[in-house]
Amino acid sequence: MENNKKILYTTIQNRDINNLRAGEMVYLTGDIYLARDAAHKKLVELIDSNKPLPFDIKNQVVYYAGPCPNRPEQVIGSIGPTTSARMDLYSPKLIENGLIYMIGKGYRNEKVKESIKKYKGIYFIAISGAAALMSKCVESSKVICFEELGTEAVRKIKIKELPLIVGIDTLGNDVYNNKFLL
């Protein structure tokens, strides 16, 4: 903890997230990947075809976002979160194959919640409506695959203290289900 902030680094270890609880605020620093539904579909198609993925998803952080075009003085344009439910069709397969840290907005379906709990993952919620401010947390950005998808191409970005809320913790507690608050 730094200045009463709970700062996590993307070299997150399970022990670091096992104590996080739904509703808690954290700040994430390090390398993450941006990928939306079109990229998720391609990744699952590769897994289903027993083909290698263009990047290792194991223990990585994927943020469901596609950036807006940037101005010349910006590293990246606004990066607001995409509705996570759009990834729910693909997420269980990706989680089963090693992806356990996800960032988006909105609720997740039961299959995703079960996968998060089974594989000890975590779902972070990015703050909607703060996309322009969130882009200021980005220090670098590079397209790494699926360039043909334009803004939905997978990018690797370096972030510093991206503000997030724990949406679903490793125990399956969910901020969209107020029972965890009782």
N, C-alpha and C. Protein backbone atom coordinates (compact mmCIF):
# COMPACT_ATOMS: atom_id res chain seq x y z
N MET A 1 0.84 -1.19 0.00
CA MET A 1 0.00 0.00 0.00
C MET A 1 0.87 1.24 0.00
N GLU A 2 0.51 2.18 -0.85
CA GLU A 2 1.27 3.40 -0.99
C GLU A 2 0.30 4.57 -0.86
N ASN A 3 0.55 5.49 0.06
CA ASN A 3 -0.36 6.62 0.28
C ASN A 3 -1.80 6.15 0.45
N ASN A 4 -1.99 5.08 1.19
CA ASN A 4 -3.31 4.48 1.42
C ASN A 4 -3.95 3.95 0.15
N LYS A 5 -3.19 3.82 -0.93
CA LYS A 5 -3.67 3.23 -2.18
C LYS A 5 -3.22 1.78 -2.19
N LYS A 6 -4.09 0.91 -2.65
CA LYS A 6 -3.70 -0.48 -2.85
C LYS A 6 -3.23 -0.60 -4.29
N ILE A 7 -1.91 -0.59 -4.48
CA ILE A 7 -1.33 -0.65 -5.81
C ILE A 7 -0.94 -2.10 -6.11
N LEU A 8 -1.44 -2.60 -7.24
CA LEU A 8 -1.08 -3.94 -7.72
C LEU A 8 -0.23 -3.78 -8.96
N TYR A 9 0.67 -4.71 -9.16
CA TYR A 9 1.49 -4.71 -10.36
C TYR A 9 1.07 -5.89 -11.22
N THR A 10 1.20 -5.76 -12.53
CA THR A 10 0.68 -6.79 -13.43
C THR A 10 1.45 -8.09 -13.37
N THR A 11 2.46 -8.14 -12.57
CA THR A 11 3.13 -9.40 -12.27
C THR A 11 2.39 -10.00 -11.07
N ILE A 12 1.07 -9.85 -11.10
CA ILE A 12 0.21 -10.25 -9.99
C ILE A 12 0.41 -11.74 -9.69
N GLN A 13 0.55 -12.04 -8.44
CA GLN A 13 0.61 -13.42 -7.98
C GLN A 13 -0.72 -13.74 -7.32
N ASN A 14 -1.10 -14.99 -7.34
CA ASN A 14 -2.39 -15.38 -6.73
C ASN A 14 -2.49 -14.92 -5.29
N ARG A 15 -1.39 -14.96 -4.56
CA ARG A 15 -1.45 -14.53 -3.16
C ARG A 15 -1.82 -13.05 -3.06
N ASP A 16 -1.48 -12.26 -4.09
CA ASP A 16 -1.82 -10.84 -4.09
C ASP A 16 -3.32 -10.61 -4.26
N ILE A 17 -3.96 -11.49 -5.01
CA ILE A 17 -5.38 -11.28 -5.29
C ILE A 17 -6.30 -12.07 -4.37
N ASN A 18 -5.78 -13.09 -3.71
CA ASN A 18 -6.63 -13.90 -2.84
C ASN A 18 -7.26 -13.10 -1.71
N ASN A 19 -6.63 -12.02 -1.31
CA ASN A 19 -7.16 -11.20 -0.22
C ASN A 19 -8.02 -10.04 -0.71
N LEU A 20 -8.11 -9.84 -2.03
CA LEU A 20 -8.96 -8.78 -2.56
C LEU A 20 -10.42 -9.20 -2.45
N ARG A 21 -11.28 -8.24 -2.18
CA ARG A 21 -12.71 -8.53 -2.06
C ARG A 21 -13.51 -7.62 -2.98
N ALA A 22 -14.61 -8.14 -3.47
CA ALA A 22 -15.50 -7.40 -4.35
C ALA A 22 -15.85 -6.06 -3.72
N GLY A 23 -15.77 -5.01 -4.52
CA GLY A 23 -16.07 -3.67 -4.05
C GLY A 23 -14.85 -2.86 -3.66
N GLU A 24 -13.71 -3.52 -3.52
CA GLU A 24 -12.48 -2.84 -3.10
C GLU A 24 -11.85 -2.08 -4.27
N MET A 25 -11.25 -0.93 -3.99
CA MET A 25 -10.58 -0.11 -4.99
C MET A 25 -9.10 -0.46 -5.03
N VAL A 26 -8.57 -0.62 -6.26
CA VAL A 26 -7.15 -0.89 -6.45
C VAL A 26 -6.62 -0.02 -7.59
N TYR A 27 -5.31 0.08 -7.68
CA TYR A 27 -4.65 0.82 -8.75
C TYR A 27 -3.66 -0.14 -9.39
N LEU A 28 -3.79 -0.35 -10.70
CA LEU A 28 -2.99 -1.34 -11.41
C LEU A 28 -1.88 -0.65 -12.21
N THR A 29 -0.67 -1.22 -12.11
CA THR A 29 0.50 -0.69 -12.81
C THR A 29 1.20 -1.83 -13.53
N GLY A 30 1.63 -1.59 -14.77
CA GLY A 30 2.38 -2.58 -15.53
C GLY A 30 1.85 -2.76 -16.93
N ASP A 31 2.20 -3.88 -17.55
CA ASP A 31 1.76 -4.17 -18.92
C ASP A 31 0.44 -4.93 -18.90
N ILE A 32 -0.48 -4.51 -19.78
CA ILE A 32 -1.75 -5.20 -19.96
C ILE A 32 -2.08 -5.25 -21.45
N TYR A 33 -3.08 -6.02 -21.80
CA TYR A 33 -3.51 -6.14 -23.19
C TYR A 33 -4.92 -5.58 -23.33
N LEU A 34 -5.15 -4.88 -24.43
CA LEU A 34 -6.49 -4.43 -24.78
C LEU A 34 -7.05 -5.41 -25.80
N ALA A 35 -8.24 -5.93 -25.57
CA ALA A 35 -8.86 -6.86 -26.51
C ALA A 35 -10.37 -6.82 -26.33
N ARG A 36 -11.07 -6.69 -27.43
CA ARG A 36 -12.54 -6.67 -27.39
C ARG A 36 -13.08 -7.96 -27.98
N ASP A 37 -14.38 -8.00 -28.25
CA ASP A 37 -15.05 -9.24 -28.65
C ASP A 37 -14.52 -9.84 -29.96
N ALA A 38 -14.20 -9.02 -30.97
CA ALA A 38 -13.70 -9.58 -32.23
C ALA A 38 -12.37 -10.31 -32.00
N ALA A 39 -11.50 -9.73 -31.18
CA ALA A 39 -10.23 -10.37 -30.87
C ALA A 39 -10.45 -11.62 -30.02
N HIS A 40 -11.38 -11.56 -29.07
CA HIS A 40 -11.69 -12.73 -28.25
C HIS A 40 -12.17 -13.89 -29.13
N LYS A 41 -13.00 -13.59 -30.09
CA LYS A 41 -13.50 -14.63 -31.00
C LYS A 41 -12.33 -15.28 -31.73
N LYS A 42 -11.40 -14.48 -32.24
CA LYS A 42 -10.25 -15.03 -32.97
C LYS A 42 -9.36 -15.88 -32.05
N LEU A 43 -9.18 -15.42 -30.81
CA LEU A 43 -8.36 -16.19 -29.87
C LEU A 43 -8.98 -17.56 -29.59
N VAL A 44 -10.29 -17.59 -29.37
CA VAL A 44 -10.97 -18.86 -29.11
C VAL A 44 -10.93 -19.76 -30.35
N GLU A 45 -11.07 -19.18 -31.53
CA GLU A 45 -10.97 -19.98 -32.76
C GLU A 45 -9.58 -20.62 -32.87
N LEU A 46 -8.54 -19.89 -32.51
CA LEU A 46 -7.19 -20.46 -32.52
C LEU A 46 -7.06 -21.60 -31.52
N ILE A 47 -7.59 -21.39 -30.31
CA ILE A 47 -7.55 -22.46 -29.29
C ILE A 47 -8.29 -23.68 -29.79
N ASP A 48 -9.49 -23.49 -30.35
CA ASP A 48 -10.30 -24.61 -30.84
C ASP A 48 -9.64 -25.34 -32.00
N SER A 49 -8.78 -24.65 -32.75
CA SER A 49 -8.07 -25.25 -33.88
C SER A 49 -6.69 -25.78 -33.48
N ASN A 50 -6.41 -25.76 -32.17
CA ASN A 50 -5.10 -26.19 -31.65
C ASN A 50 -3.94 -25.43 -32.28
N LYS A 51 -4.16 -24.15 -32.57
CA LYS A 51 -3.11 -23.30 -33.12
C LYS A 51 -2.58 -22.42 -32.01
N PRO A 52 -1.32 -22.00 -32.12
CA PRO A 52 -0.75 -21.15 -31.07
C PRO A 52 -1.38 -19.75 -31.07
N LEU A 53 -1.47 -19.19 -29.89
CA LEU A 53 -1.98 -17.82 -29.76
C LEU A 53 -0.86 -16.84 -30.09
N PRO A 54 -1.20 -15.66 -30.59
CA PRO A 54 -0.18 -14.68 -30.94
C PRO A 54 0.52 -14.06 -29.72
N PHE A 55 -0.02 -14.28 -28.53
CA PHE A 55 0.64 -13.88 -27.29
C PHE A 55 0.17 -14.82 -26.20
N ASP A 56 0.98 -14.98 -25.18
CA ASP A 56 0.67 -15.90 -24.09
C ASP A 56 -0.35 -15.24 -23.17
N ILE A 57 -1.53 -15.84 -23.04
CA ILE A 57 -2.58 -15.26 -22.19
C ILE A 57 -2.44 -15.66 -20.73
N LYS A 58 -1.59 -16.63 -20.46
CA LYS A 58 -1.46 -17.12 -19.08
C LYS A 58 -0.99 -16.01 -18.14
N ASN A 59 -1.77 -15.83 -17.08
CA ASN A 59 -1.45 -14.86 -16.03
C ASN A 59 -1.32 -13.43 -16.55
N GLN A 60 -1.99 -13.14 -17.65
CA GLN A 60 -1.97 -11.78 -18.20
C GLN A 60 -3.24 -11.04 -17.79
N VAL A 61 -3.22 -9.74 -17.98
CA VAL A 61 -4.37 -8.89 -17.71
C VAL A 61 -4.91 -8.42 -19.05
N VAL A 62 -6.20 -8.68 -19.30
CA VAL A 62 -6.84 -8.21 -20.52
C VAL A 62 -7.92 -7.21 -20.14
N TYR A 63 -7.83 -6.05 -20.77
CA TYR A 63 -8.78 -4.96 -20.56
C TYR A 63 -9.68 -4.91 -21.78
N TYR A 64 -10.97 -5.02 -21.56
CA TYR A 64 -11.94 -5.00 -22.65
C TYR A 64 -12.13 -3.56 -23.11
N ALA A 65 -11.29 -3.13 -24.02
CA ALA A 65 -11.35 -1.75 -24.51
C ALA A 65 -10.74 -1.67 -25.90
N GLY A 66 -11.23 -0.73 -26.67
CA GLY A 66 -10.66 -0.38 -27.95
C GLY A 66 -10.45 1.12 -27.93
N PRO A 67 -9.23 1.58 -28.08
CA PRO A 67 -8.97 3.00 -27.91
C PRO A 67 -9.52 3.86 -29.04
N CYS A 68 -9.87 5.07 -28.70
CA CYS A 68 -10.22 6.07 -29.70
C CYS A 68 -8.90 6.55 -30.33
N PRO A 69 -8.96 7.14 -31.52
CA PRO A 69 -7.73 7.68 -32.10
C PRO A 69 -7.10 8.71 -31.16
N ASN A 70 -5.78 8.70 -31.14
CA ASN A 70 -5.07 9.63 -30.26
C ASN A 70 -4.65 10.89 -31.02
N ARG A 71 -4.50 11.96 -30.27
CA ARG A 71 -3.91 13.19 -30.82
C ARG A 71 -2.40 12.98 -30.87
N PRO A 72 -1.69 13.78 -31.67
CA PRO A 72 -0.23 13.60 -31.78
C PRO A 72 0.51 13.64 -30.44
N GLU A 73 0.04 14.42 -29.50
CA GLU A 73 0.73 14.54 -28.20
C GLU A 73 0.33 13.43 -27.23
N GLN A 74 -0.59 12.54 -27.62
CA GLN A 74 -1.06 11.48 -26.73
C GLN A 74 -0.45 10.13 -27.09
N VAL A 75 -0.26 9.30 -26.08
CA VAL A 75 0.19 7.93 -26.30
C VAL A 75 -0.96 7.11 -26.89
N ILE A 76 -2.18 7.39 -26.42
CA ILE A 76 -3.37 6.65 -26.83
C ILE A 76 -4.57 7.57 -26.63
N GLY A 77 -5.63 7.32 -27.38
CA GLY A 77 -6.85 8.07 -27.19
C GLY A 77 -7.62 7.53 -25.99
N SER A 78 -8.82 8.00 -25.81
CA SER A 78 -9.66 7.54 -24.69
C SER A 78 -9.79 6.03 -24.72
N ILE A 79 -9.74 5.42 -23.53
CA ILE A 79 -9.83 3.95 -23.45
C ILE A 79 -10.88 3.56 -22.41
N GLY A 80 -12.11 3.83 -22.74
CA GLY A 80 -13.19 3.44 -21.84
C GLY A 80 -13.47 1.96 -21.95
N PRO A 81 -13.97 1.36 -20.89
CA PRO A 81 -14.25 -0.08 -20.89
C PRO A 81 -15.43 -0.43 -21.78
N THR A 82 -15.33 -1.59 -22.42
CA THR A 82 -16.42 -2.16 -23.20
C THR A 82 -17.26 -3.03 -22.27
N THR A 83 -18.53 -3.15 -22.56
CA THR A 83 -19.42 -3.99 -21.76
C THR A 83 -18.90 -5.43 -21.76
N SER A 84 -18.60 -5.92 -20.60
CA SER A 84 -17.97 -7.24 -20.44
C SER A 84 -18.84 -8.39 -20.91
N ALA A 85 -20.14 -8.25 -20.84
CA ALA A 85 -21.04 -9.32 -21.26
C ALA A 85 -20.78 -9.72 -22.71
N ARG A 86 -20.24 -8.81 -23.51
CA ARG A 86 -19.94 -9.12 -24.91
C ARG A 86 -18.82 -10.16 -25.02
N MET A 87 -18.01 -10.30 -23.97
CA MET A 87 -16.92 -11.28 -23.96
C MET A 87 -17.33 -12.59 -23.29
N ASP A 88 -18.51 -12.64 -22.68
CA ASP A 88 -18.90 -13.80 -21.89
C ASP A 88 -18.96 -15.11 -22.67
N LEU A 89 -19.25 -15.05 -23.95
CA LEU A 89 -19.27 -16.25 -24.77
C LEU A 89 -17.88 -16.88 -24.86
N TYR A 90 -16.84 -16.05 -24.85
CA TYR A 90 -15.47 -16.51 -25.04
C TYR A 90 -14.67 -16.65 -23.74
N SER A 91 -15.05 -15.93 -22.72
CA SER A 91 -14.24 -15.86 -21.50
C SER A 91 -13.99 -17.21 -20.82
N PRO A 92 -15.01 -18.08 -20.65
CA PRO A 92 -14.70 -19.35 -19.97
C PRO A 92 -13.59 -20.15 -20.65
N LYS A 93 -13.57 -20.18 -21.97
CA LYS A 93 -12.52 -20.92 -22.71
C LYS A 93 -11.16 -20.26 -22.48
N LEU A 94 -11.12 -18.93 -22.49
CA LEU A 94 -9.86 -18.24 -22.28
C LEU A 94 -9.38 -18.40 -20.83
N ILE A 95 -10.31 -18.34 -19.89
CA ILE A 95 -9.95 -18.54 -18.48
C ILE A 95 -9.41 -19.95 -18.27
N GLU A 96 -10.06 -20.92 -18.85
CA GLU A 96 -9.61 -22.32 -18.77
C GLU A 96 -8.19 -22.48 -19.32
N ASN A 97 -7.83 -21.61 -20.29
CA ASN A 97 -6.51 -21.67 -20.91
C ASN A 97 -5.51 -20.70 -20.30
N GLY A 98 -5.83 -20.16 -19.12
CA GLY A 98 -4.83 -19.39 -18.39
C GLY A 98 -5.12 -17.93 -18.13
N LEU A 99 -6.10 -17.34 -18.81
CA LEU A 99 -6.41 -15.93 -18.59
C LEU A 99 -7.22 -15.81 -17.30
N ILE A 100 -6.70 -15.10 -16.32
CA ILE A 100 -7.44 -15.00 -15.06
C ILE A 100 -7.66 -13.57 -14.57
N TYR A 101 -7.10 -12.59 -15.27
CA TYR A 101 -7.28 -11.20 -14.87
C TYR A 101 -7.96 -10.44 -16.00
N MET A 102 -9.15 -9.92 -15.74
CA MET A 102 -9.93 -9.23 -16.75
C MET A 102 -10.41 -7.88 -16.22
N ILE A 103 -10.51 -6.90 -17.14
CA ILE A 103 -11.00 -5.57 -16.79
C ILE A 103 -12.09 -5.21 -17.79
N GLY A 104 -13.22 -4.73 -17.29
CA GLY A 104 -14.30 -4.28 -18.17
C GLY A 104 -15.31 -3.48 -17.39
N LYS A 105 -16.56 -3.54 -17.85
CA LYS A 105 -17.63 -2.90 -17.11
C LYS A 105 -18.87 -3.78 -17.20
N GLY A 106 -19.65 -3.75 -16.15
CA GLY A 106 -20.90 -4.49 -16.13
C GLY A 106 -20.77 -5.90 -15.58
N TYR A 107 -21.95 -6.51 -15.45
CA TYR A 107 -22.04 -7.84 -14.86
C TYR A 107 -21.47 -8.90 -15.78
N ARG A 108 -21.22 -10.09 -15.22
CA ARG A 108 -20.76 -11.27 -15.97
C ARG A 108 -21.78 -12.37 -15.77
N ASN A 109 -21.89 -13.26 -16.76
CA ASN A 109 -22.87 -14.34 -16.62
C ASN A 109 -22.35 -15.42 -15.66
N GLU A 110 -23.22 -16.36 -15.33
CA GLU A 110 -22.88 -17.39 -14.33
C GLU A 110 -21.71 -18.26 -14.76
N LYS A 111 -21.62 -18.60 -16.06
CA LYS A 111 -20.50 -19.43 -16.52
C LYS A 111 -19.16 -18.73 -16.30
N VAL A 112 -19.12 -17.44 -16.56
CA VAL A 112 -17.89 -16.68 -16.34
C VAL A 112 -17.57 -16.62 -14.85
N LYS A 113 -18.58 -16.34 -14.03
CA LYS A 113 -18.36 -16.28 -12.58
C LYS A 113 -17.86 -17.63 -12.05
N GLU A 114 -18.43 -18.72 -12.54
CA GLU A 114 -17.98 -20.05 -12.11
C GLU A 114 -16.52 -20.28 -12.53
N SER A 115 -16.16 -19.86 -13.75
CA SER A 115 -14.78 -20.02 -14.22
C SER A 115 -13.82 -19.18 -13.40
N ILE A 116 -14.21 -17.95 -13.08
CA ILE A 116 -13.36 -17.09 -12.26
C ILE A 116 -13.12 -17.74 -10.91
N LYS A 117 -14.17 -18.28 -10.31
CA LYS A 117 -14.04 -18.92 -9.00
C LYS A 117 -13.19 -20.20 -9.09
N LYS A 118 -13.46 -21.04 -10.09
CA LYS A 118 -12.75 -22.31 -10.25
C LYS A 118 -11.25 -22.10 -10.47
N TYR A 119 -10.90 -21.12 -11.31
CA TYR A 119 -9.50 -20.91 -11.66
C TYR A 119 -8.84 -19.80 -10.86
N LYS A 120 -9.54 -19.32 -9.81
CA LYS A 120 -9.00 -18.29 -8.90
C LYS A 120 -8.59 -17.03 -9.66
N GLY A 121 -9.48 -16.58 -10.52
CA GLY A 121 -9.25 -15.36 -11.28
C GLY A 121 -9.86 -14.16 -10.58
N ILE A 122 -9.85 -13.07 -11.30
CA ILE A 122 -10.43 -11.85 -10.76
C ILE A 122 -10.92 -10.99 -11.92
N TYR A 123 -12.02 -10.32 -11.68
CA TYR A 123 -12.60 -9.41 -12.66
C TYR A 123 -12.62 -8.02 -12.04
N PHE A 124 -11.92 -7.11 -12.70
CA PHE A 124 -11.88 -5.73 -12.27
C PHE A 124 -12.86 -4.90 -13.09
N ILE A 125 -13.42 -3.90 -12.48
CA ILE A 125 -14.32 -2.99 -13.18
C ILE A 125 -13.58 -1.67 -13.37
N ALA A 126 -13.54 -1.23 -14.63
CA ALA A 126 -12.99 0.09 -14.93
C ALA A 126 -14.12 1.10 -14.77
N ILE A 127 -13.76 2.29 -14.45
CA ILE A 127 -14.75 3.33 -14.17
C ILE A 127 -15.29 3.89 -15.47
N SER A 128 -16.57 3.66 -15.73
CA SER A 128 -17.21 4.17 -16.95
C SER A 128 -17.28 5.69 -16.90
N GLY A 129 -17.22 6.32 -18.06
CA GLY A 129 -17.33 7.76 -18.14
C GLY A 129 -16.04 8.50 -17.88
N ALA A 130 -14.97 7.76 -17.59
CA ALA A 130 -13.68 8.40 -17.30
C ALA A 130 -12.62 7.99 -18.32
N ALA A 131 -13.05 7.68 -19.55
CA ALA A 131 -12.14 7.16 -20.57
C ALA A 131 -10.99 8.10 -20.89
N ALA A 132 -11.27 9.40 -20.99
CA ALA A 132 -10.21 10.35 -21.30
C ALA A 132 -9.21 10.42 -20.16
N LEU A 133 -9.70 10.40 -18.92
CA LEU A 133 -8.79 10.42 -17.77
C LEU A 133 -7.99 9.13 -17.68
N MET A 134 -8.63 8.00 -17.99
CA MET A 134 -7.93 6.72 -17.92
C MET A 134 -6.78 6.67 -18.92
N SER A 135 -6.94 7.31 -20.07
CA SER A 135 -5.87 7.29 -21.08
C SER A 135 -4.60 7.95 -20.55
N LYS A 136 -4.73 8.81 -19.55
CA LYS A 136 -3.55 9.47 -18.96
C LYS A 136 -2.73 8.51 -18.11
N CYS A 137 -3.27 7.34 -17.81
CA CYS A 137 -2.53 6.31 -17.06
C CYS A 137 -1.66 5.47 -18.00
N VAL A 138 -1.80 5.66 -19.32
CA VAL A 138 -1.08 4.84 -20.30
C VAL A 138 0.25 5.49 -20.65
N GLU A 139 1.32 4.71 -20.50
CA GLU A 139 2.67 5.20 -20.79
C GLU A 139 3.17 4.77 -22.16
N SER A 140 2.66 3.65 -22.69
CA SER A 140 3.03 3.20 -24.03
C SER A 140 1.94 2.30 -24.59
N SER A 141 1.92 2.16 -25.92
CA SER A 141 0.89 1.37 -26.60
C SER A 141 1.46 0.82 -27.90
N LYS A 142 1.19 -0.48 -28.17
CA LYS A 142 1.67 -1.10 -29.40
C LYS A 142 0.69 -2.19 -29.83
N VAL A 143 0.29 -2.19 -31.11
CA VAL A 143 -0.54 -3.26 -31.65
C VAL A 143 0.33 -4.50 -31.74
N ILE A 144 -0.19 -5.64 -31.20
CA ILE A 144 0.62 -6.87 -31.25
C ILE A 144 0.02 -7.96 -32.14
N CYS A 145 -1.30 -7.87 -32.41
CA CYS A 145 -1.90 -8.85 -33.32
C CYS A 145 -3.29 -8.40 -33.77
N PHE A 146 -3.76 -9.03 -34.83
CA PHE A 146 -5.08 -8.77 -35.41
C PHE A 146 -5.23 -7.31 -35.84
N GLU A 147 -4.18 -6.77 -36.45
CA GLU A 147 -4.19 -5.37 -36.88
C GLU A 147 -5.36 -5.07 -37.81
N GLU A 148 -5.81 -6.08 -38.55
CA GLU A 148 -6.93 -5.89 -39.47
C GLU A 148 -8.23 -5.51 -38.75
N LEU A 149 -8.27 -5.68 -37.45
CA LEU A 149 -9.47 -5.33 -36.68
C LEU A 149 -9.53 -3.84 -36.30
N GLY A 150 -8.54 -3.08 -36.70
CA GLY A 150 -8.55 -1.64 -36.41
C GLY A 150 -8.51 -1.38 -34.91
N THR A 151 -9.50 -0.64 -34.40
CA THR A 151 -9.49 -0.31 -32.97
C THR A 151 -9.69 -1.55 -32.10
N GLU A 152 -10.14 -2.66 -32.70
CA GLU A 152 -10.31 -3.89 -31.93
C GLU A 152 -9.08 -4.80 -31.99
N ALA A 153 -8.02 -4.34 -32.64
CA ALA A 153 -6.77 -5.10 -32.65
C ALA A 153 -6.27 -5.24 -31.20
N VAL A 154 -5.54 -6.30 -30.94
CA VAL A 154 -4.98 -6.48 -29.60
C VAL A 154 -3.76 -5.56 -29.47
N ARG A 155 -3.77 -4.77 -28.40
CA ARG A 155 -2.66 -3.87 -28.10
C ARG A 155 -2.05 -4.26 -26.76
N LYS A 156 -0.77 -4.06 -26.66
CA LYS A 156 -0.10 -4.18 -25.36
C LYS A 156 0.18 -2.76 -24.92
N ILE A 157 -0.29 -2.43 -23.71
CA ILE A 157 -0.06 -1.09 -23.20
C ILE A 157 0.59 -1.17 -21.83
N LYS A 158 1.32 -0.13 -21.50
CA LYS A 158 1.93 -0.01 -20.17
C LYS A 158 1.13 1.06 -19.44
N ILE A 159 0.64 0.69 -18.25
CA ILE A 159 -0.18 1.61 -17.47
C ILE A 159 0.48 1.92 -16.13
N LYS A 160 0.07 3.04 -15.58
CA LYS A 160 0.54 3.41 -14.24
C LYS A 160 -0.67 3.84 -13.42
N GLU A 161 -0.93 3.07 -12.36
CA GLU A 161 -1.99 3.35 -11.40
C GLU A 161 -3.36 3.57 -12.04
N LEU A 162 -3.76 2.63 -12.88
CA LEU A 162 -5.10 2.64 -13.47
C LEU A 162 -6.10 2.32 -12.36
N PRO A 163 -7.05 3.22 -12.07
CA PRO A 163 -8.00 2.97 -10.98
C PRO A 163 -9.05 1.93 -11.38
N LEU A 164 -9.23 0.93 -10.53
CA LEU A 164 -10.16 -0.16 -10.79
C LEU A 164 -10.90 -0.55 -9.51
N ILE A 165 -12.03 -1.20 -9.69
CA ILE A 165 -12.80 -1.75 -8.58
C ILE A 165 -12.84 -3.26 -8.77
N VAL A 166 -12.66 -4.00 -7.70
CA VAL A 166 -12.77 -5.46 -7.79
C VAL A 166 -14.25 -5.78 -8.00
N GLY A 167 -14.57 -6.33 -9.17
CA GLY A 167 -15.95 -6.64 -9.51
C GLY A 167 -16.35 -8.04 -9.05
N ILE A 168 -15.49 -9.01 -9.31
CA ILE A 168 -15.70 -10.39 -8.86
C ILE A 168 -14.37 -10.86 -8.28
N ASP A 169 -14.39 -11.29 -7.04
CA ASP A 169 -13.15 -11.73 -6.40
C ASP A 169 -12.96 -13.23 -6.59
N THR A 170 -11.85 -13.76 -6.09
CA THR A 170 -11.49 -15.17 -6.29
C THR A 170 -12.47 -16.14 -5.63
N LEU A 171 -13.28 -15.64 -4.70
CA LEU A 171 -14.29 -16.48 -4.04
C LEU A 171 -15.62 -16.47 -4.79
N GLY A 172 -15.71 -15.64 -5.84
CA GLY A 172 -16.95 -15.55 -6.60
C GLY A 172 -17.90 -14.45 -6.12
N ASN A 173 -17.48 -13.68 -5.10
CA ASN A 173 -18.30 -12.56 -4.66
C ASN A 173 -18.37 -11.53 -5.78
N ASP A 174 -19.54 -10.95 -5.99
CA ASP A 174 -19.82 -10.12 -7.16
C ASP A 174 -20.46 -8.80 -6.71
N VAL A 175 -19.89 -7.67 -7.13
CA VAL A 175 -20.45 -6.37 -6.73
C VAL A 175 -21.85 -6.15 -7.27
N TYR A 176 -22.20 -6.86 -8.32
CA TYR A 176 -23.54 -6.69 -8.90
C TYR A 176 -24.58 -7.53 -8.17
N ASN A 177 -24.12 -8.29 -7.19
CA ASN A 177 -25.01 -9.07 -6.33
C ASN A 177 -24.79 -8.55 -4.92
N ASN A 178 -25.68 -7.74 -4.42
CA ASN A 178 -25.49 -7.07 -3.14
C ASN A 178 -25.40 -8.00 -1.94
N LYS A 179 -25.59 -9.29 -2.12
CA LYS A 179 -25.50 -10.23 -1.00
C LYS A 179 -24.12 -10.16 -0.33
N PHE A 180 -23.07 -9.89 -1.13
CA PHE A 180 -21.73 -9.88 -0.53
C PHE A 180 -21.57 -8.73 0.46
N LEU A 181 -22.41 -7.73 0.37
CA LEU A 181 -22.32 -6.58 1.27
C LEU A 181 -23.00 -6.82 2.61
N LEU A 182 -23.83 -7.86 2.71
CA LEU A 182 -24.58 -8.12 3.93
C LEU A 182 -23.73 -8.73 5.02
